[in-house]
Amino acid sequence: MNSSKHYLRITFRNAAKMTVRNCAVLTPVLVFFVAFIASGCTQNPYLGGSAWQRPPNALAANPAEARISELQRRAQLVDDDNRQLHIQMAQTEQKAQVYKDEADLLRTQLAEVSQQLESTRIAREAAESQVKGFQASTQLRGNATLQANTDLAKQAARLNLGGIPVEKDRDVVRIVIPADQVFQPGTAQIHAQAAQVLDPVAAQVSTVFPRQRIGIESYTDNAQIYGGSVATSHQLTSAQALAVLDFLTRRSGLPGQQLFTVAQGSNNPRQSNDTPAGRVANRRIELVIYPDTF
């Protein structure tokens, strides 16, 4: 009984000493944590507060992460450069399209100017040819130095041109060719069937009148001129006379110095323009054989 009491006293005393010793050890630890929490330290990510941040020297402590970060930075720079290049390429393509549109517009304007110049050239040549034709006609009629053939009617009787009329008009002979058999309607464009009419005429004229001066006189009706490269009846007949001259010299081989052109427009109609048949008769090409030689 006494032994048991003595053992309990010893045990209690040892337990009390251990408690005091443990408290002496735990007290500084508790004080540290209380002060740590009270100071608002945020270094521990599990204690809440602001976001936790890596210490400044953490990257330096990990070379692999530093290398990855540098590569990412360089990749971002490359992406930025690519975006800038794409923007510049788009701007360049827009400028190229603008230049192309301007070039197309200039080509269109140049074509229009060229067409206007060509029309002006045709009109100028027509006017010059008409003046020269009248001058040549006057000279042929009044120049005594030229040799005259006084027997044109006898020579003209040798012509056999089918249905194409051959007329004696005072001191000249006229071969009257319907313009509709030579040209596309209302133009100076010779159609394919024109050779069937002009080739026999050229061959016989070259044989019967090898040295006579020949005027190519072109006539039309009084119909209004619409569109095309000519605006007046004189321009149309001038272009037609030049086309016949070109045909006779290039294809038929008549000497260029033997021929000259005269554009009559709607002057000197053979019949009334009030009827279709009259207008057809007035559209004509007359090869006028003069008694004078070249």
C-alpha atoms as a PDB file:
ATOM      1  CA  MET A   1       0.000   0.000   0.000  1.00  0.00           C
ATOM      2  CA  ASN A   2       2.691   2.452   0.991  1.00  0.00           C
ATOM      3  CA  SER A   3       4.856   1.293  -1.893  1.00  0.00           C
ATOM      4  CA  SER A   4       2.088   2.075  -4.362  1.00  0.00           C
ATOM      5  CA  LYS A   5       1.608   5.573  -3.023  1.00  0.00           C
ATOM      6  CA  HIS A   6       5.339   6.210  -3.225  1.00  0.00           C
ATOM      7  CA  TYR A   7       5.405   5.069  -6.891  1.00  0.00           C
ATOM      8  CA  LEU A   8       2.521   7.363  -7.818  1.00  0.00           C
ATOM      9  CA  ARG A   9       4.250  10.342  -6.233  1.00  0.00           C
ATOM     10  CA  ILE A  10       7.406   9.687  -8.198  1.00  0.00           C
ATOM     11  CA  THR A  11       5.460   9.260 -11.451  1.00  0.00           C
ATOM     12  CA  PHE A  12       3.522  12.476 -10.944  1.00  0.00           C
ATOM     13  CA  ARG A  13       6.659  14.386 -10.148  1.00  0.00           C
ATOM     14  CA  ASN A  14       8.358  13.126 -13.345  1.00  0.00           C
ATOM     15  CA  ALA A  15       5.345  13.982 -15.439  1.00  0.00           C
ATOM     16  CA  ALA A  16       5.295  17.501 -14.042  1.00  0.00           C
ATOM     17  CA  LYS A  17       8.972  17.965 -14.872  1.00  0.00           C
ATOM     18  CA  MET A  18       8.453  16.765 -18.462  1.00  0.00           C
ATOM     19  CA  THR A  19       5.510  19.131 -18.892  1.00  0.00           C
ATOM     20  CA  VAL A  20       7.575  22.058 -17.708  1.00  0.00           C
ATOM     21  CA  ARG A  21      10.458  21.006 -19.972  1.00  0.00           C
ATOM     22  CA  ASN A  22       8.152  20.622 -23.040  1.00  0.00           C
ATOM     23  CA  CYS A  23       6.547  23.959 -22.393  1.00  0.00           C
ATOM     24  CA  ALA A  24       9.988  25.532 -22.272  1.00  0.00           C
ATOM     25  CA  VAL A  25      10.668  24.085 -25.739  1.00  0.00           C
ATOM     26  CA  LEU A  26       7.244  24.786 -27.323  1.00  0.00           C
ATOM     27  CA  THR A  27       6.832  28.298 -26.045  1.00  0.00           C
ATOM     28  CA  PRO A  28       9.413  29.901 -28.448  1.00  0.00           C
ATOM     29  CA  VAL A  29       7.869  27.964 -31.353  1.00  0.00           C
ATOM     30  CA  LEU A  30       4.387  29.227 -30.531  1.00  0.00           C
ATOM     31  CA  VAL A  31       5.673  32.730 -30.140  1.00  0.00           C
ATOM     32  CA  PHE A  32       7.363  32.543 -33.613  1.00  0.00           C
ATOM     33  CA  PHE A  33       4.168  31.376 -35.347  1.00  0.00           C
ATOM     34  CA  VAL A  34       2.049  33.974 -33.627  1.00  0.00           C
ATOM     35  CA  ALA A  35       4.491  36.701 -34.653  1.00  0.00           C
ATOM     36  CA  PHE A  36       4.742  35.239 -38.178  1.00  0.00           C
ATOM     37  CA  ILE A  37       0.963  35.342 -38.642  1.00  0.00           C
ATOM     38  CA  ALA A  38       0.594  38.732 -37.019  1.00  0.00           C
ATOM     39  CA  SER A  39       3.227  40.284 -39.297  1.00  0.00           C
ATOM     40  CA  GLY A  40       1.110  39.384 -42.381  1.00  0.00           C
ATOM     41  CA  CYS A  41       3.921  37.432 -44.024  1.00  0.00           C
ATOM     42  CA  THR A  42       2.864  36.116 -47.397  1.00  0.00           C
ATOM     43  CA  GLN A  43       5.822  34.009 -48.262  1.00  0.00           C
ATOM     44  CA  ASN A  44       3.867  30.790 -47.565  1.00  0.00           C
ATOM     45  CA  PRO A  45       1.325  30.191 -50.357  1.00  0.00           C
ATOM     46  CA  TYR A  46      -0.879  28.236 -47.964  1.00  0.00           C
ATOM     47  CA  LEU A  47      -1.505  31.129 -45.581  1.00  0.00           C
ATOM     48  CA  GLY A  48      -3.652  33.264 -47.971  1.00  0.00           C
ATOM     49  CA  GLY A  49      -3.115  36.956 -48.615  1.00  0.00           C
ATOM     50  CA  SER A  50      -1.394  38.233 -51.756  1.00  0.00           C
ATOM     51  CA  ALA A  51      -0.230  35.841 -54.510  1.00  0.00           C
ATOM     52  CA  TRP A  52       2.969  34.098 -53.840  1.00  0.00           C
ATOM     53  CA  GLN A  53       5.952  35.189 -55.875  1.00  0.00           C
ATOM     54  CA  ARG A  54       9.164  33.402 -56.773  1.00  0.00           C
ATOM     55  CA  PRO A  55      12.232  34.967 -55.254  1.00  0.00           C
ATOM     56  CA  PRO A  56      14.140  37.191 -57.698  1.00  0.00           C
ATOM     57  CA  ASN A  57      17.085  34.863 -57.882  1.00  0.00           C
ATOM     58  CA  ALA A  58      14.967  31.760 -58.604  1.00  0.00           C
ATOM     59  CA  LEU A  59      15.503  31.905 -62.392  1.00  0.00           C
ATOM     60  CA  ALA A  60      19.189  32.302 -61.896  1.00  0.00           C
ATOM     61  CA  ALA A  61      19.068  29.197 -59.788  1.00  0.00           C
ATOM     62  CA  ASN A  62      17.401  27.251 -62.697  1.00  0.00           C
ATOM     63  CA  PRO A  63      19.253  27.712 -66.061  1.00  0.00           C
ATOM     64  CA  ALA A  64      16.754  25.545 -67.985  1.00  0.00           C
ATOM     65  CA  GLU A  65      13.839  27.789 -67.063  1.00  0.00           C
ATOM     66  CA  ALA A  66      15.900  30.854 -67.942  1.00  0.00           C
ATOM     67  CA  ARG A  67      16.692  29.346 -71.367  1.00  0.00           C
ATOM     68  CA  ILE A  68      13.018  28.536 -71.983  1.00  0.00           C
ATOM     69  CA  SER A  69      12.027  32.053 -71.005  1.00  0.00           C
ATOM     70  CA  GLU A  70      14.581  33.530 -73.438  1.00  0.00           C
ATOM     71  CA  LEU A  71      13.371  31.287 -76.274  1.00  0.00           C
ATOM     72  CA  GLN A  72       9.790  32.308 -75.600  1.00  0.00           C
ATOM     73  CA  ARG A  73      10.821  35.958 -75.709  1.00  0.00           C
ATOM     74  CA  ARG A  74      12.558  35.430 -79.051  1.00  0.00           C
ATOM     75  CA  ALA A  75       9.561  33.546 -80.459  1.00  0.00           C
ATOM     76  CA  GLN A  76       7.329  36.460 -79.482  1.00  0.00           C
ATOM     77  CA  LEU A  77       9.670  38.846 -81.330  1.00  0.00           C
ATOM     78  CA  VAL A  78       9.515  36.624 -84.423  1.00  0.00           C
ATOM     79  CA  ASP A  79       5.708  36.598 -84.263  1.00  0.00           C
ATOM     80  CA  ASP A  80       5.680  40.388 -84.027  1.00  0.00           C
ATOM     81  CA  ASP A  81       8.009  40.659 -87.039  1.00  0.00           C
ATOM     82  CA  ASN A  82       5.801  38.266 -89.050  1.00  0.00           C
ATOM     83  CA  ARG A  83       2.735  40.337 -88.300  1.00  0.00           C
ATOM     84  CA  GLN A  84       4.530  43.469 -89.468  1.00  0.00           C
ATOM     85  CA  LEU A  85       5.645  41.715 -92.672  1.00  0.00           C
ATOM     86  CA  HIS A  86       2.097  40.561 -93.412  1.00  0.00           C
ATOM     87  CA  ILE A  87       0.832  44.106 -92.949  1.00  0.00           C
ATOM     88  CA  GLN A  88       3.531  45.461 -95.268  1.00  0.00           C
ATOM     89  CA  MET A  89       2.778  42.774 -97.879  1.00  0.00           C
ATOM     90  CA  ALA A  90      -0.932  43.629 -97.804  1.00  0.00           C
ATOM     91  CA  GLN A  91      -0.135  47.307 -98.261  1.00  0.00           C
ATOM     92  CA  THR A  92       2.216  46.474-101.152  1.00  0.00           C
ATOM     93  CA  GLU A  93      -0.464  44.374-102.860  1.00  0.00           C
ATOM     94  CA  GLN A  94      -2.972  47.219-102.500  1.00  0.00           C
ATOM     95  CA  LYS A  95      -0.515  49.655-104.060  1.00  0.00           C
ATOM     96  CA  ALA A  96       0.211  47.207-106.908  1.00  0.00           C
ATOM     97  CA  GLN A  97      -3.525  46.918-107.629  1.00  0.00           C
ATOM     98  CA  VAL A  98      -3.837  50.702-107.683  1.00  0.00           C
ATOM     99  CA  TYR A  99      -0.933  50.927-110.147  1.00  0.00           C
ATOM    100  CA  LYS A 100      -2.510  48.205-112.319  1.00  0.00           C
ATOM    101  CA  ASP A 101      -5.847  50.040-112.389  1.00  0.00           C
ATOM    102  CA  GLU A 102      -4.082  53.277-113.324  1.00  0.00           C
ATOM    103  CA  ALA A 103      -2.164  51.490-116.103  1.00  0.00           C
ATOM    104  CA  ASP A 104      -5.399  49.996-117.485  1.00  0.00           C
ATOM    105  CA  LEU A 105      -7.000  53.434-117.462  1.00  0.00           C
ATOM    106  CA  LEU A 106      -4.001  54.929-119.250  1.00  0.00           C
ATOM    107  CA  ARG A 107      -4.113  52.177-121.887  1.00  0.00           C
ATOM    108  CA  THR A 108      -7.812  52.846-122.463  1.00  0.00           C
ATOM    109  CA  GLN A 109      -7.220  56.574-122.769  1.00  0.00           C
ATOM    110  CA  LEU A 110      -4.266  55.947-125.098  1.00  0.00           C
ATOM    111  CA  ALA A 111      -6.423  53.727-127.322  1.00  0.00           C
ATOM    112  CA  GLU A 112      -9.093  56.437-127.485  1.00  0.00           C
ATOM    113  CA  VAL A 113      -6.510  59.094-128.332  1.00  0.00           C
ATOM    114  CA  SER A 114      -4.997  56.822-130.990  1.00  0.00           C
ATOM    115  CA  GLN A 115      -8.414  56.288-132.540  1.00  0.00           C
ATOM    116  CA  GLN A 116      -9.054  60.030-132.561  1.00  0.00           C
ATOM    117  CA  LEU A 117      -5.656  60.634-134.162  1.00  0.00           C
ATOM    118  CA  GLU A 118      -6.388  57.993-136.794  1.00  0.00           C
ATOM    119  CA  SER A 119      -9.743  59.621-137.583  1.00  0.00           C
ATOM    120  CA  THR A 120      -8.025  62.998-137.820  1.00  0.00           C
ATOM    121  CA  ARG A 121      -5.365  61.536-140.109  1.00  0.00           C
ATOM    122  CA  ILE A 122      -8.006  60.031-142.404  1.00  0.00           C
ATOM    123  CA  ALA A 123      -9.880  63.318-142.531  1.00  0.00           C
ATOM    124  CA  ARG A 124      -6.656  65.246-143.244  1.00  0.00           C
ATOM    125  CA  GLU A 125      -5.619  62.845-146.002  1.00  0.00           C
ATOM    126  CA  ALA A 126      -9.116  63.046-147.419  1.00  0.00           C
ATOM    127  CA  ALA A 127      -8.990  66.831-147.487  1.00  0.00           C
ATOM    128  CA  GLU A 128      -5.502  66.847-149.013  1.00  0.00           C
ATOM    129  CA  SER A 129      -6.510  64.247-151.579  1.00  0.00           C
ATOM    130  CA  GLN A 130      -9.602  66.236-152.485  1.00  0.00           C
ATOM    131  CA  VAL A 131      -7.559  69.416-152.971  1.00  0.00           C
ATOM    132  CA  LYS A 132      -4.977  67.568-155.044  1.00  0.00           C
ATOM    133  CA  GLY A 133      -7.743  65.943-157.066  1.00  0.00           C
ATOM    134  CA  PHE A 134      -9.346  69.259-157.921  1.00  0.00           C
ATOM    135  CA  GLN A 135      -5.920  70.722-158.713  1.00  0.00           C
ATOM    136  CA  ALA A 136      -5.065  67.777-160.941  1.00  0.00           C
ATOM    137  CA  SER A 137      -8.430  67.961-162.645  1.00  0.00           C
ATOM    138  CA  THR A 138      -7.976  71.658-163.315  1.00  0.00           C
ATOM    139  CA  GLN A 139      -4.420  71.111-164.518  1.00  0.00           C
ATOM    140  CA  LEU A 140      -5.442  68.241-166.781  1.00  0.00           C
ATOM    141  CA  ARG A 141      -8.136  70.380-168.343  1.00  0.00           C
ATOM    142  CA  GLY A 142      -6.021  73.523-168.728  1.00  0.00           C
ATOM    143  CA  ASN A 143      -2.413  72.462-169.087  1.00  0.00           C
ATOM    144  CA  ALA A 144      -1.515  72.468-172.773  1.00  0.00           C
ATOM    145  CA  THR A 145       1.819  70.742-172.231  1.00  0.00           C
ATOM    146  CA  LEU A 146       0.112  67.404-171.554  1.00  0.00           C
ATOM    147  CA  GLN A 147      -0.533  65.113-174.471  1.00  0.00           C
ATOM    148  CA  ALA A 148      -4.247  64.724-175.155  1.00  0.00           C
ATOM    149  CA  ASN A 149      -6.024  61.698-176.543  1.00  0.00           C
ATOM    150  CA  THR A 150      -8.821  63.116-178.702  1.00  0.00           C
ATOM    151  CA  ASP A 151     -10.386  59.800-179.530  1.00  0.00           C
ATOM    152  CA  LEU A 152     -11.469  58.534-176.060  1.00  0.00           C
ATOM    153  CA  ALA A 153     -14.928  57.520-177.259  1.00  0.00           C
ATOM    154  CA  LYS A 154     -13.449  55.147-179.832  1.00  0.00           C
ATOM    155  CA  GLN A 155     -11.170  53.625-177.221  1.00  0.00           C
ATOM    156  CA  ALA A 156     -13.988  53.389-174.665  1.00  0.00           C
ATOM    157  CA  ALA A 157     -15.986  51.290-177.155  1.00  0.00           C
ATOM    158  CA  ARG A 158     -13.415  48.548-176.632  1.00  0.00           C
ATOM    159  CA  LEU A 159     -14.433  48.186-172.977  1.00  0.00           C
ATOM    160  CA  ASN A 160     -16.668  45.221-172.159  1.00  0.00           C
ATOM    161  CA  LEU A 161     -17.609  45.528-168.475  1.00  0.00           C
ATOM    162  CA  GLY A 162     -20.888  43.636-168.421  1.00  0.00           C
ATOM    163  CA  GLY A 163     -23.549  45.594-166.584  1.00  0.00           C
ATOM    164  CA  ILE A 164     -21.245  48.417-165.459  1.00  0.00           C
ATOM    165  CA  PRO A 165     -22.138  51.587-167.384  1.00  0.00           C
ATOM    166  CA  VAL A 166     -19.493  53.371-169.509  1.00  0.00           C
ATOM    167  CA  GLU A 167     -20.514  56.945-170.381  1.00  0.00           C
ATOM    168  CA  LYS A 168     -19.045  59.664-172.572  1.00  0.00           C
ATOM    169  CA  ASP A 169     -19.212  63.002-170.718  1.00  0.00           C
ATOM    170  CA  ARG A 170     -17.915  65.797-172.972  1.00  0.00           C
ATOM    171  CA  ASP A 171     -14.138  65.234-173.102  1.00  0.00           C
ATOM    172  CA  VAL A 172     -13.973  62.436-170.486  1.00  0.00           C
ATOM    173  CA  VAL A 173     -15.212  58.878-170.144  1.00  0.00           C
ATOM    174  CA  ARG A 174     -16.921  57.757-166.913  1.00  0.00           C
ATOM    175  CA  ILE A 175     -17.072  54.172-165.668  1.00  0.00           C
ATOM    176  CA  VAL A 176     -19.845  54.082-163.030  1.00  0.00           C
ATOM    177  CA  ILE A 177     -19.436  51.370-160.372  1.00  0.00           C
ATOM    178  CA  PRO A 178     -22.181  50.932-157.717  1.00  0.00           C
ATOM    179  CA  ALA A 179     -20.605  51.537-154.284  1.00  0.00           C
ATOM    180  CA  ASP A 180     -22.804  48.856-152.723  1.00  0.00           C
ATOM    181  CA  GLN A 181     -20.982  46.266-154.876  1.00  0.00           C
ATOM    182  CA  VAL A 182     -17.639  47.372-153.431  1.00  0.00           C
ATOM    183  CA  PHE A 183     -18.134  48.518-149.809  1.00  0.00           C
ATOM    184  CA  GLN A 184     -19.873  47.406-146.689  1.00  0.00           C
ATOM    185  CA  PRO A 185     -22.926  49.700-146.281  1.00  0.00           C
ATOM    186  CA  GLY A 186     -22.024  53.116-144.921  1.00  0.00           C
ATOM    187  CA  THR A 187     -18.301  52.307-144.584  1.00  0.00           C
ATOM    188  CA  ALA A 188     -15.037  52.421-146.507  1.00  0.00           C
ATOM    189  CA  GLN A 189     -14.397  48.731-145.893  1.00  0.00           C
ATOM    190  CA  ILE A 190     -14.117  46.757-149.129  1.00  0.00           C
ATOM    191  CA  HIS A 191     -16.017  43.461-148.911  1.00  0.00           C
ATOM    192  CA  ALA A 192     -14.901  40.139-150.329  1.00  0.00           C
ATOM    193  CA  GLN A 193     -17.038  40.310-153.501  1.00  0.00           C
ATOM    194  CA  ALA A 194     -15.513  43.641-154.554  1.00  0.00           C
ATOM    195  CA  ALA A 195     -12.684  41.893-156.404  1.00  0.00           C
ATOM    196  CA  GLN A 196     -15.197  40.340-158.819  1.00  0.00           C
ATOM    197  CA  VAL A 197     -16.184  43.868-159.862  1.00  0.00           C
ATOM    198  CA  LEU A 198     -12.900  45.776-159.667  1.00  0.00           C
ATOM    199  CA  ASP A 199     -10.513  43.181-161.133  1.00  0.00           C
ATOM    200  CA  PRO A 200     -12.125  43.097-164.650  1.00  0.00           C
ATOM    201  CA  VAL A 201     -12.441  46.901-164.691  1.00  0.00           C
ATOM    202  CA  ALA A 202      -8.794  47.366-163.699  1.00  0.00           C
ATOM    203  CA  ALA A 203      -7.601  44.823-166.269  1.00  0.00           C
ATOM    204  CA  GLN A 204      -9.458  46.446-169.172  1.00  0.00           C
ATOM    205  CA  VAL A 205      -8.609  50.021-168.128  1.00  0.00           C
ATOM    206  CA  SER A 206      -4.945  49.050-167.891  1.00  0.00           C
ATOM    207  CA  THR A 207      -5.120  47.624-171.437  1.00  0.00           C
ATOM    208  CA  VAL A 208      -7.252  50.274-173.155  1.00  0.00           C
ATOM    209  CA  PHE A 209      -6.006  53.370-171.306  1.00  0.00           C
ATOM    210  CA  PRO A 210      -2.435  52.571-170.235  1.00  0.00           C
ATOM    211  CA  ARG A 211      -1.321  56.227-170.310  1.00  0.00           C
ATOM    212  CA  GLN A 212      -4.487  58.201-169.541  1.00  0.00           C
ATOM    213  CA  ARG A 213      -4.928  60.038-166.267  1.00  0.00           C
ATOM    214  CA  ILE A 214      -7.742  58.514-164.212  1.00  0.00           C
ATOM    215  CA  GLY A 215      -9.682  60.227-161.450  1.00  0.00           C
ATOM    216  CA  ILE A 216     -11.367  58.126-158.755  1.00  0.00           C
ATOM    217  CA  GLU A 217     -14.484  60.083-157.778  1.00  0.00           C
ATOM    218  CA  SER A 218     -16.568  58.812-154.876  1.00  0.00           C
ATOM    219  CA  TYR A 219     -20.230  59.765-154.269  1.00  0.00           C
ATOM    220  CA  THR A 220     -22.858  58.885-151.668  1.00  0.00           C
ATOM    221  CA  ASP A 221     -26.482  59.697-150.890  1.00  0.00           C
ATOM    222  CA  ASN A 222     -27.745  62.239-148.382  1.00  0.00           C
ATOM    223  CA  ALA A 223     -28.364  59.713-145.584  1.00  0.00           C
ATOM    224  CA  GLN A 224     -27.168  60.635-142.083  1.00  0.00           C
ATOM    225  CA  ILE A 225     -23.779  59.168-141.063  1.00  0.00           C
ATOM    226  CA  TYR A 226     -23.962  57.226-137.784  1.00  0.00           C
ATOM    227  CA  GLY A 227     -20.901  56.087-135.808  1.00  0.00           C
ATOM    228  CA  GLY A 228     -17.759  54.641-137.329  1.00  0.00           C
ATOM    229  CA  SER A 229     -14.550  56.546-137.994  1.00  0.00           C
ATOM    230  CA  VAL A 230     -16.171  59.184-140.234  1.00  0.00           C
ATOM    231  CA  ALA A 231     -18.658  61.892-139.376  1.00  0.00           C
ATOM    232  CA  THR A 232     -19.602  63.451-142.732  1.00  0.00           C
ATOM    233  CA  SER A 233     -20.418  62.293-146.250  1.00  0.00           C
ATOM    234  CA  HIS A 234     -17.217  63.911-147.555  1.00  0.00           C
ATOM    235  CA  GLN A 235     -15.103  61.971-145.069  1.00  0.00           C
ATOM    236  CA  LEU A 236     -16.881  58.768-146.084  1.00  0.00           C
ATOM    237  CA  THR A 237     -16.420  59.289-149.830  1.00  0.00           C
ATOM    238  CA  SER A 238     -12.802  60.382-149.331  1.00  0.00           C
ATOM    239  CA  ALA A 239     -12.043  57.175-147.415  1.00  0.00           C
ATOM    240  CA  GLN A 240     -13.821  55.116-150.102  1.00  0.00           C
ATOM    241  CA  ALA A 241     -11.876  56.772-152.938  1.00  0.00           C
ATOM    242  CA  LEU A 242      -8.588  56.129-151.138  1.00  0.00           C
ATOM    243  CA  ALA A 243      -9.580  52.495-150.558  1.00  0.00           C
ATOM    244  CA  VAL A 244     -10.244  52.009-154.297  1.00  0.00           C
ATOM    245  CA  LEU A 245      -6.943  53.692-155.182  1.00  0.00           C
ATOM    246  CA  ASP A 246      -5.128  51.372-152.798  1.00  0.00           C
ATOM    247  CA  PHE A 247      -6.910  48.352-154.328  1.00  0.00           C
ATOM    248  CA  LEU A 248      -6.062  49.348-157.908  1.00  0.00           C
ATOM    249  CA  THR A 249      -2.389  50.020-157.183  1.00  0.00           C
ATOM    250  CA  ARG A 250      -1.670  47.150-154.810  1.00  0.00           C
ATOM    251  CA  ARG A 251      -3.788  44.375-156.317  1.00  0.00           C
ATOM    252  CA  SER A 252      -4.255  45.411-159.934  1.00  0.00           C
ATOM    253  CA  GLY A 253      -0.861  47.009-160.479  1.00  0.00           C
ATOM    254  CA  LEU A 254      -2.017  50.343-161.923  1.00  0.00           C
ATOM    255  CA  PRO A 255       0.677  53.041-161.603  1.00  0.00           C
ATOM    256  CA  GLY A 256       0.126  55.352-158.660  1.00  0.00           C
ATOM    257  CA  GLN A 257       0.985  58.431-160.740  1.00  0.00           C
ATOM    258  CA  GLN A 258      -1.851  57.556-163.132  1.00  0.00           C
ATOM    259  CA  LEU A 259      -4.526  57.886-160.443  1.00  0.00           C
ATOM    260  CA  PHE A 260      -5.888  60.613-158.183  1.00  0.00           C
ATOM    261  CA  THR A 261      -8.959  60.801-155.918  1.00  0.00           C
ATOM    262  CA  VAL A 262     -11.856  63.228-155.534  1.00  0.00           C
ATOM    263  CA  ALA A 263     -14.386  63.035-152.674  1.00  0.00           C
ATOM    264  CA  GLN A 264     -17.762  64.395-153.792  1.00  0.00           C
ATOM    265  CA  GLY A 265     -19.823  63.525-150.716  1.00  0.00           C
ATOM    266  CA  SER A 266     -23.530  63.783-151.520  1.00  0.00           C
ATOM    267  CA  ASN A 267     -22.946  66.354-154.284  1.00  0.00           C
ATOM    268  CA  ASN A 268     -24.091  65.802-157.872  1.00  0.00           C
ATOM    269  CA  PRO A 269     -26.737  63.110-157.269  1.00  0.00           C
ATOM    270  CA  ARG A 270     -27.716  61.140-160.368  1.00  0.00           C
ATOM    271  CA  GLN A 271     -31.230  60.527-159.119  1.00  0.00           C
ATOM    272  CA  SER A 272     -33.505  61.830-156.366  1.00  0.00           C
ATOM    273  CA  ASN A 273     -32.610  60.819-152.817  1.00  0.00           C
ATOM    274  CA  ASP A 274     -36.325  60.601-152.011  1.00  0.00           C
ATOM    275  CA  THR A 275     -36.537  56.976-153.130  1.00  0.00           C
ATOM    276  CA  PRO A 276     -34.506  53.895-152.165  1.00  0.00           C
ATOM    277  CA  ALA A 277     -33.608  53.249-155.807  1.00  0.00           C
ATOM    278  CA  GLY A 278     -32.426  56.822-156.212  1.00  0.00           C
ATOM    279  CA  ARG A 279     -30.220  56.597-153.124  1.00  0.00           C
ATOM    280  CA  VAL A 280     -28.693  53.338-154.419  1.00  0.00           C
ATOM    281  CA  ALA A 281     -27.873  55.034-157.742  1.00  0.00           C
ATOM    282  CA  ASN A 282     -26.259  57.953-155.947  1.00  0.00           C
ATOM    283  CA  ARG A 283     -23.900  55.730-153.978  1.00  0.00           C
ATOM    284  CA  ARG A 284     -21.233  55.124-156.602  1.00  0.00           C
ATOM    285  CA  ILE A 285     -17.552  55.150-157.603  1.00  0.00           C
ATOM    286  CA  GLU A 286     -16.770  56.770-160.946  1.00  0.00           C
ATOM    287  CA  LEU A 287     -13.487  56.117-162.738  1.00  0.00           C
ATOM    288  CA  VAL A 288     -13.072  59.225-164.874  1.00  0.00           C
ATOM    289  CA  ILE A 289     -10.754  58.752-167.875  1.00  0.00           C
ATOM    290  CA  TYR A 290      -9.196  62.037-168.955  1.00  0.00           C
ATOM    291  CA  PRO A 291      -7.791  62.717-172.439  1.00  0.00           C
ATOM    292  CA  ASP A 292      -4.478  63.752-170.956  1.00  0.00           C
ATOM    293  CA  THR A 293      -1.600  61.356-170.392  1.00  0.00           C
ATOM    294  CA  PHE A 294       1.053  61.113-167.694  1.00  0.00           C
END
